[in-house]
Amino acid sequence: MRITEVRIKLTEETDDRLQAFCSITFDDSFVVRDLKIIEGTNGPFVAMPSRKLTAHCPRCRSKNHLRAIYCNQCGGKQDPDRAVKDHDGRAKLYADIAHPINSECREMIQNRVVADYRKERELSRQPGYVSRYEDDFDDDFAAPSASEPASAEPTPEKREHTIVEPAASEPRPPHANVTPDRARKKLERPPEKRGGFGSGILDD
């Protein structure tokens, strides 16, 4: 196994020990991203990609980072000694996602990455410098091309089918059940006098 490519992303000039991120490719076929180059007391060293370790809240069972004093869900106070300690008595707060399992592999990664990191710093001083680190993410998402505009037409699976019946050629008039003779007789009939509450009050 050999490292066939290293890409470096330098961080801005700050007082932080983190100097750069990098990705490495093994045998032109396997990529590991988010390695960190950190400035130590004896020079830069490589830290492997890692994740924060969490623990369950004893009250609500929600996950919280081991540095959390209170639960993010219920607000309950967390045990400050819940983190596992290493051989030196320090709390283990992170776990490596990918890492070498022998000293030979670790030394190979360390030497190659640090050498490329120093070259990248020299290149960054030249005008027009552009980091190649972001090129790793160009093929993550397939955006629609300009020649194939997105269509607002719904897909056949999602298109709703509505049945519309044609209108009648001669729509029926309102009250179609009332014949002209019945309507005329109803108009000619005198109004019926009704008795009841208030009847005859306005009669002369």
C-alpha atoms as a PDB file:
ATOM      1  CA  MET A   1       0.000   0.000   0.000  1.00  0.00           C
ATOM      2  CA  ARG A   2       1.296   3.438  -0.891  1.00  0.00           C
ATOM      3  CA  ILE A   3       0.058   7.019  -0.750  1.00  0.00           C
ATOM      4  CA  THR A   4      -0.507   8.235  -4.291  1.00  0.00           C
ATOM      5  CA  GLU A   5      -1.893  11.719  -3.588  1.00  0.00           C
ATOM      6  CA  VAL A   6      -2.061  14.257  -0.766  1.00  0.00           C
ATOM      7  CA  ARG A   7      -4.187  17.395  -0.844  1.00  0.00           C
ATOM      8  CA  ILE A   8      -3.693  20.146   1.708  1.00  0.00           C
ATOM      9  CA  LYS A   9      -6.029  22.927   2.845  1.00  0.00           C
ATOM     10  CA  LEU A  10      -4.165  25.511   4.919  1.00  0.00           C
ATOM     11  CA  THR A  11      -6.022  27.297   7.695  1.00  0.00           C
ATOM     12  CA  GLU A  12      -5.919  31.036   8.190  1.00  0.00           C
ATOM     13  CA  GLU A  13      -3.090  32.513  10.224  1.00  0.00           C
ATOM     14  CA  THR A  14      -4.362  32.275  13.795  1.00  0.00           C
ATOM     15  CA  ASP A  15      -2.985  31.453  17.227  1.00  0.00           C
ATOM     16  CA  ASP A  16      -4.617  28.014  17.026  1.00  0.00           C
ATOM     17  CA  ARG A  17      -2.390  24.957  16.790  1.00  0.00           C
ATOM     18  CA  LEU A  18      -4.428  23.593  13.880  1.00  0.00           C
ATOM     19  CA  GLN A  19      -2.411  24.390  10.756  1.00  0.00           C
ATOM     20  CA  ALA A  20      -4.188  22.549   7.926  1.00  0.00           C
ATOM     21  CA  PHE A  21      -6.636  19.858   6.845  1.00  0.00           C
ATOM     22  CA  CYS A  22      -5.684  17.215   4.313  1.00  0.00           C
ATOM     23  CA  SER A  23      -6.923  14.197   2.385  1.00  0.00           C
ATOM     24  CA  ILE A  24      -4.809  11.237   1.342  1.00  0.00           C
ATOM     25  CA  THR A  25      -5.360   8.683  -1.412  1.00  0.00           C
ATOM     26  CA  PHE A  26      -4.075   5.133  -1.205  1.00  0.00           C
ATOM     27  CA  ASP A  27      -3.187   3.261  -4.421  1.00  0.00           C
ATOM     28  CA  ASP A  28      -5.310   5.654  -6.522  1.00  0.00           C
ATOM     29  CA  SER A  29      -8.419   3.918  -5.171  1.00  0.00           C
ATOM     30  CA  PHE A  30      -9.179   4.819  -1.529  1.00  0.00           C
ATOM     31  CA  VAL A  31      -9.473   8.327  -0.031  1.00  0.00           C
ATOM     32  CA  VAL A  32      -9.378   9.366   3.625  1.00  0.00           C
ATOM     33  CA  ARG A  33     -10.442  12.948   4.306  1.00  0.00           C
ATOM     34  CA  ASP A  34     -10.306  15.393   7.202  1.00  0.00           C
ATOM     35  CA  LEU A  35      -6.900  14.533   8.587  1.00  0.00           C
ATOM     36  CA  LYS A  36      -5.556  17.429  10.658  1.00  0.00           C
ATOM     37  CA  ILE A  37      -2.041  18.847  10.754  1.00  0.00           C
ATOM     38  CA  ILE A  38      -1.355  20.257  14.208  1.00  0.00           C
ATOM     39  CA  GLU A  39       1.632  22.221  15.392  1.00  0.00           C
ATOM     40  CA  GLY A  40       3.135  20.385  18.358  1.00  0.00           C
ATOM     41  CA  THR A  41       6.094  21.093  20.632  1.00  0.00           C
ATOM     42  CA  ASN A  42       8.380  19.050  18.351  1.00  0.00           C
ATOM     43  CA  GLY A  43       6.934  20.279  15.048  1.00  0.00           C
ATOM     44  CA  PRO A  44       3.819  19.451  13.042  1.00  0.00           C
ATOM     45  CA  PHE A  45       2.123  16.079  13.416  1.00  0.00           C
ATOM     46  CA  VAL A  46      -0.870  14.380  11.811  1.00  0.00           C
ATOM     47  CA  ALA A  47      -4.120  13.712  13.690  1.00  0.00           C
ATOM     48  CA  MET A  48      -6.484  11.177  12.143  1.00  0.00           C
ATOM     49  CA  PRO A  49     -10.166  11.986  11.476  1.00  0.00           C
ATOM     50  CA  SER A  50     -12.231  11.514  14.615  1.00  0.00           C
ATOM     51  CA  ARG A  51     -15.664  11.973  16.137  1.00  0.00           C
ATOM     52  CA  LYS A  52     -16.797  13.290  19.519  1.00  0.00           C
ATOM     53  CA  LEU A  53     -17.649  10.667  22.102  1.00  0.00           C
ATOM     54  CA  THR A  54     -21.064  10.918  23.759  1.00  0.00           C
ATOM     55  CA  ALA A  55     -22.831   9.471  26.793  1.00  0.00           C
ATOM     56  CA  HIS A  56     -26.514   8.967  27.630  1.00  0.00           C
ATOM     57  CA  CYS A  57     -28.196  11.283  30.110  1.00  0.00           C
ATOM     58  CA  PRO A  58     -29.246   9.252  33.207  1.00  0.00           C
ATOM     59  CA  ARG A  59     -32.596  11.071  33.297  1.00  0.00           C
ATOM     60  CA  CYS A  60     -33.854  11.197  29.674  1.00  0.00           C
ATOM     61  CA  ARG A  61     -31.326   8.896  27.912  1.00  0.00           C
ATOM     62  CA  SER A  62     -30.452  11.578  25.325  1.00  0.00           C
ATOM     63  CA  LYS A  63     -26.909  11.656  23.959  1.00  0.00           C
ATOM     64  CA  ASN A  64     -24.599  14.458  25.078  1.00  0.00           C
ATOM     65  CA  HIS A  65     -20.958  15.241  24.429  1.00  0.00           C
ATOM     66  CA  LEU A  66     -18.700  14.212  27.278  1.00  0.00           C
ATOM     67  CA  ARG A  67     -17.758  17.836  27.928  1.00  0.00           C
ATOM     68  CA  ALA A  68     -21.403  18.861  28.406  1.00  0.00           C
ATOM     69  CA  ILE A  69     -22.207  19.903  31.978  1.00  0.00           C
ATOM     70  CA  TYR A  70     -25.980  19.834  31.446  1.00  0.00           C
ATOM     71  CA  CYS A  71     -28.170  17.703  29.161  1.00  0.00           C
ATOM     72  CA  ASN A  72     -29.148  19.398  25.920  1.00  0.00           C
ATOM     73  CA  GLN A  73     -32.614  17.773  26.088  1.00  0.00           C
ATOM     74  CA  CYS A  74     -33.836  17.877  29.697  1.00  0.00           C
ATOM     75  CA  GLY A  75     -31.278  20.171  31.349  1.00  0.00           C
ATOM     76  CA  GLY A  76     -30.237  17.633  33.942  1.00  0.00           C
ATOM     77  CA  LYS A  77     -26.725  17.906  35.348  1.00  0.00           C
ATOM     78  CA  GLN A  78     -24.277  15.331  33.966  1.00  0.00           C
ATOM     79  CA  ASP A  79     -21.641  13.343  35.807  1.00  0.00           C
ATOM     80  CA  PRO A  80     -18.302  15.133  35.220  1.00  0.00           C
ATOM     81  CA  ASP A  81     -16.373  11.864  35.634  1.00  0.00           C
ATOM     82  CA  ARG A  82     -18.313   9.825  33.069  1.00  0.00           C
ATOM     83  CA  ALA A  83     -15.515   9.953  30.444  1.00  0.00           C
ATOM     84  CA  VAL A  84     -13.115   7.029  30.171  1.00  0.00           C
ATOM     85  CA  LYS A  85      -9.541   7.884  31.199  1.00  0.00           C
ATOM     86  CA  ASP A  86      -6.436   6.923  29.241  1.00  0.00           C
ATOM     87  CA  HIS A  87      -3.157   5.615  30.684  1.00  0.00           C
ATOM     88  CA  ASP A  88      -2.100   9.149  31.583  1.00  0.00           C
ATOM     89  CA  GLY A  89      -5.362   9.865  33.424  1.00  0.00           C
ATOM     90  CA  ARG A  90      -6.713  12.195  30.733  1.00  0.00           C
ATOM     91  CA  ALA A  91     -10.364  11.983  29.669  1.00  0.00           C
ATOM     92  CA  LYS A  92     -10.860  10.349  26.285  1.00  0.00           C
ATOM     93  CA  LEU A  93     -13.215  12.743  24.451  1.00  0.00           C
ATOM     94  CA  TYR A  94     -12.677  11.673  20.817  1.00  0.00           C
ATOM     95  CA  ALA A  95     -12.438   8.389  18.919  1.00  0.00           C
ATOM     96  CA  ASP A  96     -10.605   7.925  15.620  1.00  0.00           C
ATOM     97  CA  ILE A  97     -12.768   7.101  12.594  1.00  0.00           C
ATOM     98  CA  ALA A  98      -9.791   5.763  10.610  1.00  0.00           C
ATOM     99  CA  HIS A  99      -6.260   5.195  11.848  1.00  0.00           C
ATOM    100  CA  PRO A 100      -3.178   3.046  11.194  1.00  0.00           C
ATOM    101  CA  ILE A 101      -2.778  -0.047  13.334  1.00  0.00           C
ATOM    102  CA  ASN A 102       1.023  -0.316  13.235  1.00  0.00           C
ATOM    103  CA  SER A 103       3.938   2.065  13.583  1.00  0.00           C
ATOM    104  CA  GLU A 104       5.186   1.532  10.016  1.00  0.00           C
ATOM    105  CA  CYS A 105       1.939   2.752   8.484  1.00  0.00           C
ATOM    106  CA  ARG A 106       1.668   5.666  10.905  1.00  0.00           C
ATOM    107  CA  GLU A 107       5.219   6.774  10.116  1.00  0.00           C
ATOM    108  CA  MET A 108       4.565   6.542   6.370  1.00  0.00           C
ATOM    109  CA  ILE A 109       1.497   8.759   6.647  1.00  0.00           C
ATOM    110  CA  GLN A 110       3.214  11.195   9.004  1.00  0.00           C
ATOM    111  CA  ASN A 111       6.311  11.670   6.837  1.00  0.00           C
ATOM    112  CA  ARG A 112       4.422  12.045   3.550  1.00  0.00           C
ATOM    113  CA  VAL A 113       1.734  14.401   4.861  1.00  0.00           C
ATOM    114  CA  VAL A 114       4.163  16.671   6.726  1.00  0.00           C
ATOM    115  CA  ALA A 115       6.444  16.871   3.672  1.00  0.00           C
ATOM    116  CA  ASP A 116       3.526  17.826   1.407  1.00  0.00           C
ATOM    117  CA  TYR A 117       2.275  20.287   4.021  1.00  0.00           C
ATOM    118  CA  ARG A 118       5.598  22.146   3.969  1.00  0.00           C
ATOM    119  CA  LYS A 119       5.545  22.224   0.151  1.00  0.00           C
ATOM    120  CA  GLU A 120       1.998  23.592   0.238  1.00  0.00           C
ATOM    121  CA  ARG A 121       3.046  26.410   2.540  1.00  0.00           C
ATOM    122  CA  GLU A 122       5.752  27.382   0.079  1.00  0.00           C
ATOM    123  CA  LEU A 123       3.256  27.308  -2.803  1.00  0.00           C
ATOM    124  CA  SER A 124       0.795  29.448  -0.825  1.00  0.00           C
ATOM    125  CA  ARG A 125       3.269  32.336  -0.877  1.00  0.00           C
ATOM    126  CA  GLN A 126       3.141  32.508  -4.672  1.00  0.00           C
ATOM    127  CA  PRO A 127       0.618  34.780  -6.446  1.00  0.00           C
ATOM    128  CA  GLY A 128      -2.498  33.099  -7.754  1.00  0.00           C
ATOM    129  CA  TYR A 129      -2.250  30.187  -5.329  1.00  0.00           C
ATOM    130  CA  VAL A 130      -5.373  27.967  -5.171  1.00  0.00           C
ATOM    131  CA  SER A 131      -5.743  24.950  -2.904  1.00  0.00           C
ATOM    132  CA  ARG A 132      -6.681  21.649  -4.565  1.00  0.00           C
ATOM    133  CA  TYR A 133      -8.337  20.308  -1.429  1.00  0.00           C
ATOM    134  CA  GLU A 134     -11.839  21.412  -2.437  1.00  0.00           C
ATOM    135  CA  ASP A 135     -11.552  19.505  -5.737  1.00  0.00           C
ATOM    136  CA  ASP A 136     -12.293  16.330  -3.766  1.00  0.00           C
ATOM    137  CA  PHE A 137     -15.894  17.429  -3.368  1.00  0.00           C
ATOM    138  CA  ASP A 138     -16.712  18.311  -7.005  1.00  0.00           C
ATOM    139  CA  ASP A 139     -18.433  15.010  -7.767  1.00  0.00           C
ATOM    140  CA  ASP A 140     -20.440  14.724  -4.549  1.00  0.00           C
ATOM    141  CA  PHE A 141     -23.605  16.198  -6.051  1.00  0.00           C
ATOM    142  CA  ALA A 142     -24.826  15.855  -9.644  1.00  0.00           C
ATOM    143  CA  ALA A 143     -26.385  19.201 -10.554  1.00  0.00           C
ATOM    144  CA  PRO A 144     -28.742  19.334 -13.557  1.00  0.00           C
ATOM    145  CA  SER A 145     -27.012  20.524 -16.713  1.00  0.00           C
ATOM    146  CA  ALA A 146     -27.988  23.717 -18.526  1.00  0.00           C
ATOM    147  CA  SER A 147     -29.096  21.746 -21.590  1.00  0.00           C
ATOM    148  CA  GLU A 148     -31.650  19.855 -19.497  1.00  0.00           C
ATOM    149  CA  PRO A 149     -33.754  22.448 -17.645  1.00  0.00           C
ATOM    150  CA  ALA A 150     -35.826  21.218 -14.768  1.00  0.00           C
ATOM    151  CA  SER A 151     -39.433  20.719 -15.781  1.00  0.00           C
ATOM    152  CA  ALA A 152     -42.379  21.636 -13.598  1.00  0.00           C
ATOM    153  CA  GLU A 153     -44.428  18.848 -15.190  1.00  0.00           C
ATOM    154  CA  PRO A 154     -45.183  16.193 -12.552  1.00  0.00           C
ATOM    155  CA  THR A 155     -43.973  12.692 -13.129  1.00  0.00           C
ATOM    156  CA  PRO A 156     -46.503  10.090 -14.348  1.00  0.00           C
ATOM    157  CA  GLU A 157     -46.411   8.433 -10.953  1.00  0.00           C
ATOM    158  CA  LYS A 158     -47.356  11.670  -9.163  1.00  0.00           C
ATOM    159  CA  ARG A 159     -49.764  13.132 -11.751  1.00  0.00           C
ATOM    160  CA  GLU A 160     -53.331  13.222 -10.466  1.00  0.00           C
ATOM    161  CA  HIS A 161     -55.991  11.938 -12.887  1.00  0.00           C
ATOM    162  CA  THR A 162     -59.223  13.993 -12.811  1.00  0.00           C
ATOM    163  CA  ILE A 163     -62.226  12.904 -14.860  1.00  0.00           C
ATOM    164  CA  VAL A 164     -64.116  15.866 -16.352  1.00  0.00           C
ATOM    165  CA  GLU A 165     -67.474  15.145 -18.000  1.00  0.00           C
ATOM    166  CA  PRO A 166     -68.449  17.303 -21.028  1.00  0.00           C
ATOM    167  CA  ALA A 167     -71.141  19.912 -20.480  1.00  0.00           C
ATOM    168  CA  ALA A 168     -74.635  19.332 -21.910  1.00  0.00           C
ATOM    169  CA  SER A 169     -75.269  20.965 -25.292  1.00  0.00           C
ATOM    170  CA  GLU A 170     -78.494  22.596 -24.011  1.00  0.00           C
ATOM    171  CA  PRO A 171     -78.371  23.192 -20.277  1.00  0.00           C
ATOM    172  CA  ARG A 172     -81.654  22.773 -18.475  1.00  0.00           C
ATOM    173  CA  PRO A 173     -83.286  25.964 -17.136  1.00  0.00           C
ATOM    174  CA  PRO A 174     -83.833  26.308 -13.433  1.00  0.00           C
ATOM    175  CA  HIS A 175     -86.988  24.695 -12.074  1.00  0.00           C
ATOM    176  CA  ALA A 176     -87.141  22.387 -15.066  1.00  0.00           C
ATOM    177  CA  ASN A 177     -89.820  20.304 -13.404  1.00  0.00           C
ATOM    178  CA  VAL A 178     -92.315  23.232 -13.460  1.00  0.00           C
ATOM    179  CA  THR A 179     -94.247  23.325 -16.741  1.00  0.00           C
ATOM    180  CA  PRO A 180     -95.315  26.685 -18.268  1.00  0.00           C
ATOM    181  CA  ASP A 181     -99.022  25.951 -17.555  1.00  0.00           C
ATOM    182  CA  ARG A 182     -98.369  25.250 -13.882  1.00  0.00           C
ATOM    183  CA  ALA A 183     -96.274  28.420 -13.583  1.00  0.00           C
ATOM    184  CA  ARG A 184     -99.046  30.564 -15.202  1.00  0.00           C
ATOM    185  CA  LYS A 185    -101.751  29.152 -12.929  1.00  0.00           C
ATOM    186  CA  LYS A 186     -99.607  29.842  -9.895  1.00  0.00           C
ATOM    187  CA  LEU A 187     -99.215  33.505 -10.884  1.00  0.00           C
ATOM    188  CA  GLU A 188    -102.956  33.923 -11.570  1.00  0.00           C
ATOM    189  CA  ARG A 189    -103.985  32.449  -8.218  1.00  0.00           C
ATOM    190  CA  PRO A 190    -104.934  35.155  -5.657  1.00  0.00           C
ATOM    191  CA  PRO A 191    -102.866  35.302  -2.498  1.00  0.00           C
ATOM    192  CA  GLU A 192    -104.219  33.197   0.312  1.00  0.00           C
ATOM    193  CA  LYS A 193    -105.249  34.868   3.514  1.00  0.00           C
ATOM    194  CA  ARG A 194    -103.572  33.375   6.456  1.00  0.00           C
ATOM    195  CA  GLY A 195    -104.464  33.719  10.042  1.00  0.00           C
ATOM    196  CA  GLY A 196    -102.171  33.637  12.909  1.00  0.00           C
ATOM    197  CA  PHE A 197    -100.099  35.821  15.125  1.00  0.00           C
ATOM    198  CA  GLY A 198    -100.277  39.493  14.070  1.00  0.00           C
ATOM    199  CA  SER A 199    -102.732  38.899  11.203  1.00  0.00           C
ATOM    200  CA  GLY A 200    -105.106  41.803  10.422  1.00  0.00           C
ATOM    201  CA  ILE A 201    -103.108  44.464  12.281  1.00  0.00           C
ATOM    202  CA  LEU A 202    -102.546  46.600   9.178  1.00  0.00           C
ATOM    203  CA  ASP A 203    -105.904  45.818   7.515  1.00  0.00           C
ATOM    204  CA  ASP A 204    -108.251  48.787   7.067  1.00  0.00           C
END
